[in-house]
Every structure is written in C-alpha cells, then in structure tokens.
Protein backbone atom coordinates (compact mmCIF):
# COMPACT_ATOMS: atom_id res chain seq x y z
CA MET A 1 -72.04 60.35 -41.07
CA ASP A 2 -68.71 61.28 -43.52
CA THR A 3 -65.88 61.00 -41.69
CA ARG A 4 -63.80 63.06 -43.90
CA GLN A 5 -66.00 66.10 -43.77
CA LEU A 6 -65.27 65.39 -39.43
CA ALA A 7 -61.57 64.86 -40.00
CA ALA A 8 -61.29 68.32 -42.13
CA PHE A 9 -63.31 70.12 -39.07
CA CYS A 10 -60.94 69.03 -36.63
CA ALA A 11 -58.24 69.61 -38.35
CA VAL A 12 -59.27 73.39 -38.63
CA VAL A 13 -60.62 73.78 -34.71
CA GLU A 14 -56.91 72.32 -33.98
CA ARG A 15 -54.86 74.49 -36.56
CA LYS A 16 -57.12 77.44 -36.09
CA SER A 17 -56.83 77.77 -40.19
CA PHE A 18 -57.98 76.43 -43.27
CA SER A 19 -54.84 76.83 -44.70
CA GLN A 20 -53.11 74.77 -41.83
CA ALA A 21 -55.34 72.49 -42.01
CA ALA A 22 -55.37 71.50 -45.36
CA GLU A 23 -51.58 71.21 -45.20
CA ARG A 24 -51.89 68.68 -42.47
CA LEU A 25 -54.22 66.66 -44.28
CA GLY A 26 -52.20 66.82 -48.06
CA VAL A 27 -54.86 68.24 -49.21
CA THR A 28 -55.75 71.60 -50.72
CA GLN A 29 -57.92 74.68 -48.71
CA PRO A 30 -60.65 74.90 -50.99
CA ALA A 31 -61.00 71.19 -50.75
CA VAL A 32 -61.10 71.60 -46.65
CA SER A 33 -63.35 74.84 -47.04
CA LEU A 34 -65.89 72.59 -49.04
CA GLN A 35 -65.64 69.74 -46.68
CA VAL A 36 -66.45 72.33 -43.60
CA ARG A 37 -69.50 74.19 -45.47
CA SER A 38 -71.05 70.49 -46.61
CA LEU A 39 -70.93 69.17 -42.85
CA GLU A 40 -72.41 72.40 -41.50
CA LYS A 41 -75.11 72.34 -44.31
CA ARG A 42 -76.09 68.76 -43.42
CA LEU A 43 -75.84 69.67 -39.40
CA GLY A 44 -78.11 72.66 -40.24
CA ARG A 45 -75.75 74.63 -37.50
CA LYS A 46 -72.98 77.62 -38.09
CA LEU A 47 -69.63 75.20 -36.61
CA LEU A 48 -66.96 77.79 -36.89
CA ASP A 49 -66.52 81.53 -36.39
CA ARG A 50 -64.37 83.37 -39.38
CA SER A 51 -64.56 86.63 -38.04
CA GLY A 52 -61.34 86.94 -36.27
CA ARG A 53 -57.95 86.75 -37.28
CA ARG A 54 -57.76 82.86 -36.19
CA VAL A 55 -60.96 80.29 -36.72
CA GLU A 56 -62.86 79.52 -33.91
CA PRO A 57 -65.07 76.60 -33.05
CA THR A 58 -68.88 78.15 -32.16
CA GLU A 59 -70.55 76.84 -29.33
CA ALA A 60 -72.21 74.35 -31.39
CA GLY A 61 -68.67 73.21 -33.08
CA ALA A 62 -66.81 72.76 -29.06
CA ALA A 63 -69.60 70.24 -28.80
CA LEU A 64 -69.10 68.33 -32.16
CA TYR A 65 -65.39 68.37 -31.92
CA ARG A 66 -65.44 66.52 -28.93
CA SER A 67 -67.80 64.21 -30.15
CA ALA A 68 -66.08 64.22 -33.76
CA GLN A 69 -62.80 63.00 -32.24
CA ARG A 70 -64.04 60.05 -30.41
CA ILE A 71 -65.52 58.75 -33.99
CA LEU A 72 -62.56 59.09 -35.62
CA GLN A 73 -60.92 57.45 -33.37
CA LEU A 74 -63.21 54.70 -33.24
CA GLU A 75 -62.61 54.45 -37.30
CA GLU A 76 -58.86 54.38 -36.62
CA GLN A 77 -59.37 51.22 -34.02
CA LEU A 78 -61.50 49.61 -36.31
CA VAL A 79 -59.14 49.65 -39.47
CA ASP A 80 -56.14 48.54 -36.66
CA GLU A 81 -58.52 45.90 -35.88
CA LEU A 82 -59.06 44.89 -39.45
CA HIS A 83 -55.80 44.67 -40.22
CA ALA A 84 -54.91 42.47 -37.31
CA THR A 85 -57.29 39.68 -38.70
CA ASP A 86 -54.95 39.61 -41.60
CA GLY A 87 -51.95 39.54 -40.34
CA GLY A 88 -51.01 42.87 -41.67
CA GLU A 89 -48.78 45.28 -40.20
CA VAL A 90 -49.07 47.69 -37.69
CA GLY A 91 -50.47 50.98 -38.91
CA GLY A 92 -51.73 54.21 -38.37
CA THR A 93 -50.96 57.32 -36.08
CA LEU A 94 -50.12 57.20 -32.72
CA HIS A 95 -50.71 60.78 -30.90
CA VAL A 96 -48.23 60.93 -27.47
CA GLY A 97 -48.12 63.69 -25.19
CA ALA A 98 -44.99 63.44 -22.35
CA SER A 99 -43.90 66.14 -19.99
CA THR A 100 -40.29 67.53 -20.23
CA GLY A 101 -38.47 65.40 -18.25
CA PRO A 102 -39.38 61.97 -20.03
CA GLY A 103 -40.24 63.68 -23.14
CA SER A 104 -36.69 65.30 -23.47
CA THR A 105 -34.96 61.82 -22.71
CA VAL A 106 -36.11 57.79 -22.70
CA VAL A 107 -39.51 58.71 -24.89
CA PRO A 108 -38.31 60.32 -28.09
CA VAL A 109 -35.79 57.55 -28.26
CA LEU A 110 -38.40 54.93 -26.97
CA LEU A 111 -40.46 56.30 -30.17
CA CYS A 112 -37.85 56.18 -32.78
CA GLU A 113 -37.02 52.67 -32.06
CA PHE A 114 -40.63 51.96 -32.28
CA GLN A 115 -41.37 53.87 -35.51
CA ARG A 116 -38.20 52.27 -37.23
CA ALA A 117 -39.41 48.62 -36.28
CA ASN A 118 -42.83 49.64 -37.46
CA PRO A 119 -42.69 51.81 -40.68
CA GLY A 120 -46.53 51.77 -40.89
CA VAL A 121 -46.84 53.68 -37.87
CA THR A 122 -46.90 57.56 -37.82
CA VAL A 123 -45.57 58.99 -34.42
CA SER A 124 -46.24 62.11 -33.30
CA LEU A 125 -45.02 63.81 -29.88
CA SER A 126 -45.64 67.04 -28.33
CA ILE A 127 -43.75 68.07 -24.77
CA SER A 128 -45.53 70.15 -22.43
CA ASP A 129 -45.86 70.31 -19.06
CA THR A 130 -47.58 67.55 -16.83
CA GLN A 131 -50.90 68.93 -16.10
CA SER A 132 -51.16 70.22 -19.85
CA VAL A 133 -50.51 66.14 -20.67
CA VAL A 134 -53.07 64.73 -18.75
CA GLU A 135 -55.75 67.22 -19.73
CA ARG A 136 -55.34 66.69 -23.36
CA VAL A 137 -55.28 62.70 -23.00
CA ALA A 138 -58.43 63.18 -21.14
CA GLU A 139 -60.34 65.10 -24.03
CA ARG A 140 -58.59 62.53 -26.36
CA GLU A 141 -56.38 64.94 -27.63
CA LEU A 142 -53.52 62.69 -27.19
CA GLU A 143 -53.90 58.68 -27.10
CA LEU A 144 -51.46 57.92 -24.52
CA GLY A 145 -48.87 60.57 -22.01
CA VAL A 146 -45.90 59.92 -20.26
CA VAL A 147 -45.68 62.28 -16.93
CA GLY A 148 -43.52 62.58 -14.03
CA ALA A 149 -46.39 63.37 -11.64
CA ALA A 150 -49.58 61.57 -11.10
CA ARG A 151 -52.52 63.99 -10.59
CA ARG A 152 -55.93 63.17 -10.06
CA HIS A 153 -58.19 63.55 -12.59
CA ARG A 154 -61.29 61.48 -13.42
CA GLY A 155 -61.02 61.62 -17.01
CA VAL A 156 -58.05 59.76 -16.73
CA VAL A 157 -56.25 56.42 -15.28
CA PHE A 158 -52.02 56.36 -14.48
CA GLU A 159 -50.20 53.17 -14.35
CA PRO A 160 -46.47 53.02 -13.37
CA PHE A 161 -43.75 53.21 -16.37
CA PHE A 162 -40.74 53.12 -15.42
CA ARG A 163 -39.09 55.07 -11.75
CA ASP A 164 -36.51 58.39 -12.19
CA GLU A 165 -34.51 59.27 -9.86
CA VAL A 166 -34.53 63.25 -8.65
CA VAL A 167 -31.23 64.92 -8.05
CA LEU A 168 -29.34 68.71 -6.74
CA ALA A 169 -28.17 69.78 -9.54
CA VAL A 170 -25.22 72.00 -8.94
CA PRO A 171 -22.16 73.46 -11.10
CA PRO A 172 -18.84 71.08 -11.22
CA THR A 173 -17.01 73.86 -9.10
CA HIS A 174 -19.76 74.28 -6.21
CA ASP A 175 -19.29 73.80 -2.86
CA PHE A 176 -21.68 71.05 -2.22
CA ALA A 177 -20.38 69.60 -5.65
CA ASN A 178 -20.68 65.28 -4.59
CA ARG A 179 -21.78 66.26 -1.08
CA THR A 180 -24.15 65.40 1.04
CA ILE A 181 -25.69 69.08 2.50
CA THR A 182 -28.34 69.85 4.54
CA LEU A 183 -31.93 71.71 4.74
CA ALA A 184 -29.83 74.46 6.09
CA GLN A 185 -27.12 75.14 3.64
CA LEU A 186 -29.37 74.86 1.01
CA ARG A 187 -31.46 77.94 2.21
CA GLU A 188 -27.97 79.58 1.74
CA GLU A 189 -28.20 78.88 -1.87
CA PRO A 190 -29.93 80.41 -4.74
CA LEU A 191 -32.65 77.56 -5.56
CA ILE A 192 -33.63 77.90 -9.11
CA VAL A 193 -37.25 75.67 -9.42
CA MET A 194 -39.58 75.16 -12.07
CA GLN A 195 -43.02 76.13 -13.01
CA GLU A 196 -46.33 74.86 -11.08
CA GLY A 197 -47.47 71.85 -13.02
CA ALA A 198 -44.34 70.53 -13.61
CA GLY A 199 -43.58 67.18 -12.54
CA VAL A 200 -40.25 67.33 -10.68
CA ARG A 201 -41.39 70.13 -8.57
CA GLN A 202 -44.38 68.52 -7.17
CA VAL A 203 -42.07 65.57 -6.13
CA ILE A 204 -40.00 68.30 -4.24
CA GLU A 205 -42.49 69.76 -2.82
CA ASP A 206 -44.46 66.01 -1.52
CA GLU A 207 -40.60 65.31 -0.09
CA LEU A 208 -39.92 68.65 1.47
CA ARG A 209 -43.60 67.72 3.58
CA LYS A 210 -42.30 64.62 4.36
CA ALA A 211 -39.46 66.29 6.16
CA GLY A 212 -41.90 69.10 7.47
CA VAL A 213 -40.53 71.77 5.36
CA ARG A 214 -42.23 73.50 2.81
CA LEU A 215 -40.64 75.03 -0.38
CA ARG A 216 -41.23 78.66 -0.01
CA ASP A 217 -39.07 78.08 3.57
CA LEU A 218 -36.34 77.54 1.49
CA ASP A 219 -36.93 80.96 -0.70
CA PRO A 220 -36.47 79.97 -4.27
CA ARG A 221 -36.10 83.50 -5.86
CA LEU A 222 -36.04 82.23 -9.62
CA GLU A 223 -38.92 80.44 -11.16
CA LEU A 224 -37.79 79.55 -14.57
CA GLY A 225 -40.00 77.10 -16.35
CA LEU A 226 -39.21 73.63 -17.16
CA GLN A 227 -36.25 71.68 -16.90
CA GLU A 228 -34.22 72.99 -19.95
CA SER A 229 -34.95 76.00 -18.41
CA ALA A 230 -33.88 75.43 -15.28
CA LYS A 231 -30.83 73.67 -16.43
CA ALA A 232 -29.31 76.12 -18.61
CA ALA A 233 -29.33 78.49 -15.79
CA ILE A 234 -27.28 75.86 -13.53
CA VAL A 235 -24.89 75.05 -16.48
CA ALA A 236 -24.21 78.86 -16.52
CA GLY A 237 -23.68 78.98 -12.92
CA TYR A 238 -26.41 81.20 -11.33
CA GLY A 239 -27.64 78.59 -9.06
CA VAL A 240 -28.95 74.96 -8.02
CA THR A 241 -31.75 73.32 -8.87
CA PHE A 242 -33.52 69.89 -8.28
CA ILE A 243 -33.81 67.90 -11.82
CA SER A 244 -34.01 64.66 -13.24
CA ARG A 245 -30.95 62.40 -13.32
CA ALA A 246 -31.98 61.18 -16.49
CA ALA A 247 -32.49 65.00 -18.05
CA ILE A 248 -28.80 66.04 -17.02
CA SER A 249 -26.68 62.56 -17.93
CA ALA A 250 -25.24 64.00 -21.12
CA GLU A 251 -24.15 67.20 -18.78
CA LEU A 252 -22.87 64.38 -16.13
CA ALA A 253 -20.75 62.57 -18.37
CA ALA A 254 -19.40 65.62 -19.69
CA GLY A 255 -18.45 67.11 -16.16
CA THR A 256 -20.40 70.41 -16.79
CA LEU A 257 -22.65 69.73 -14.04
CA ALA A 258 -22.35 67.36 -10.42
CA THR A 259 -24.78 66.10 -7.91
CA ALA A 260 -25.37 66.65 -4.76
CA ARG A 261 -27.62 65.12 -2.03
CA VAL A 262 -29.57 66.65 0.61
CA LYS A 263 -29.78 64.87 4.05
CA GLY A 264 -33.09 64.05 4.95
CA LEU A 265 -34.43 64.17 1.34
CA ASP A 266 -34.63 61.16 -1.00
CA PRO A 267 -36.59 62.57 -4.25
CA ALA A 268 -37.81 59.93 -7.08
CA ARG A 269 -40.14 59.21 -8.85
CA ASP A 270 -42.57 57.07 -10.76
CA ILE A 271 -42.91 58.07 -14.29
CA SER A 272 -46.49 57.17 -15.37
CA LEU A 273 -48.43 56.18 -18.30
CA VAL A 274 -51.89 58.15 -18.51
CA ARG A 275 -54.76 56.71 -20.55
CA SER A 276 -58.28 58.37 -21.02
CA ALA A 277 -60.77 56.26 -19.15
CA GLY A 278 -62.85 54.06 -20.92
CA ARG A 279 -61.11 54.67 -24.34
CA SER A 280 -59.73 51.39 -25.64
CA PRO A 281 -56.37 51.37 -27.20
CA THR A 282 -55.57 51.15 -31.15
CA ARG A 283 -53.45 48.39 -31.71
CA ALA A 284 -50.40 50.77 -32.56
CA ALA A 285 -50.51 52.57 -28.80
CA GLU A 286 -50.86 48.41 -28.22
CA ALA A 287 -47.81 47.49 -29.68
CA PHE A 288 -45.71 50.47 -28.99
CA LEU A 289 -46.70 49.63 -24.91
CA GLU A 290 -45.28 46.10 -25.52
CA PHE A 291 -42.15 47.24 -27.05
CA ALA A 292 -41.59 49.73 -24.81
CA ARG A 293 -41.99 47.54 -21.32
CA GLU A 294 -39.49 45.08 -22.87
CA ARG A 295 -36.92 47.52 -23.16
CA LEU A 296 -37.78 49.31 -19.88
C-alpha cells in the first residue's frame, strides 16, 4: 500500500480539511485530493464524507485511520533504524503530549534542549488535560505523554518520570501566606479548583480522601479549567488554589504569589511518562528519554 496515500488520508482526517492537510504536508490541495481518491479507488470504499462543513471519516475511513497510523509509525521507525545502522544522526518527528502542569514548565524546555542537540528531529508538543493525553497516546496519535496522574487505561503503560510538589497558592498579602493552616480554616476561604481530568485535582482529591475529607466538603465555588486559569484568578486576588509549585515558580520569585501548607496534607505527585502498550519506540523517542533522564 502506498504510504503517501495513507499519509494524505490521515492528514485530512486529523485536520478535517483538504487545504489544511495540504499545508501540513507541504504539497498542493489537488495533490492531496488525488492521493485520497486513488486510495478510495484502490480499496473500493468511500473513506471521507465531504458533504458537511468539515471533512469527516466514514465508518470504513475511521477503521482505516487507526491501522494507517500504525503503518506510518512503523515506516518511520524503520527509517530511524536504518539511519542508526549507518551511524546517521537521530531524525524523524517526535509527537509528545503533556498535561498543563509539566507541559507549561519542564517539558517545553527539555524538548527545546533536545531539538537543539538533535537538529534532525522535528518536535511537536500538544497540551491538554491528563485524560486527553492518555487517550491520544492509547490511540497512537502521540508517541509519548507526560502527565501528572497515572490513570488506569489498558491501552497504555505508565512509568515514573520526575516528582512534582503541589502547594496551596495564595496572594502574597493573604493571611495564609507562608503559614501552616488547618482544613477548617481552608473551608472559610474561596477555594478555586481545576476541572475534572486535571492531574492536580486528582492528587488533591486523593490526599483529602486519606484525611477523611472530600473535595466538596471544602465547598469550592469556582472551577476554572486548568492551571493557567486558576493561577490567573489567584494572582488577581479571587481566592486560593492547589497547584504545582513548578507552575508558579516565576510568580513566587517575583513575589506576586505565596504558598501555604495545610496541616495533615502533603500533596505531591509523580509526573508519569505514558507510552502506548505494545508499541516499539522510535529512535527519536528513545533518544529524547535518555536525554531527559540525564537532566531530571
């Protein structure tokens, strides 16, 4: 099967547009249309529904997309292995996903340093909540994920990557700043929480459960998405929130935020690496992990 046709088809499914797929592949839109038509003719099936505002895969197209991803990944892995046998530099594309905590702090810097050391590698990083990253790794849309909570999923495997402290962030003039408080005191303050699926939220819910308390017992009135949204609200003085220390390191250094400890809670999390179960890593992925572990 012609992998160029599969690449064109996958790009259209992912971008839901022939023009955007052509832009991603660096070819013309008619070239992408020709590749997809040739693939449909070869298979004798309609693969894409072009009737709506966005291009969507048909039932047959959705089934082909899952298999086509694996074929393209195997092709990329084969090319990497052939380069390795002749001592060539690391190349290919490394698709990484990260949740908002590590994805806004540690991971971007690591990827930039890695790409500088390996100029033949193209790096792509996408940021979303933990659950979305895990699902995309399971579907093999991403080769690696870096998330703040290890959620059970039969399609992936988790392994420790590095450790991250979770703190209660408060405005620097707040009564809680640089103090140890009780859960009873915390109940009296506007508590801002992150959305369901956020790694920090899961860590806090687990830690509270150990203390015999549920998150709803603290009566949170504001649920503001992910870390950046919650941080912005705290800087503006609208409450307090549990957040990764790494996510507010700049604000702590500048004095625009402070932290507090809650008696009986010691929240921290292992930032986990996520891989698709049964998938052999590309040479670029192996090189990145070796590079990252030396620095972490």
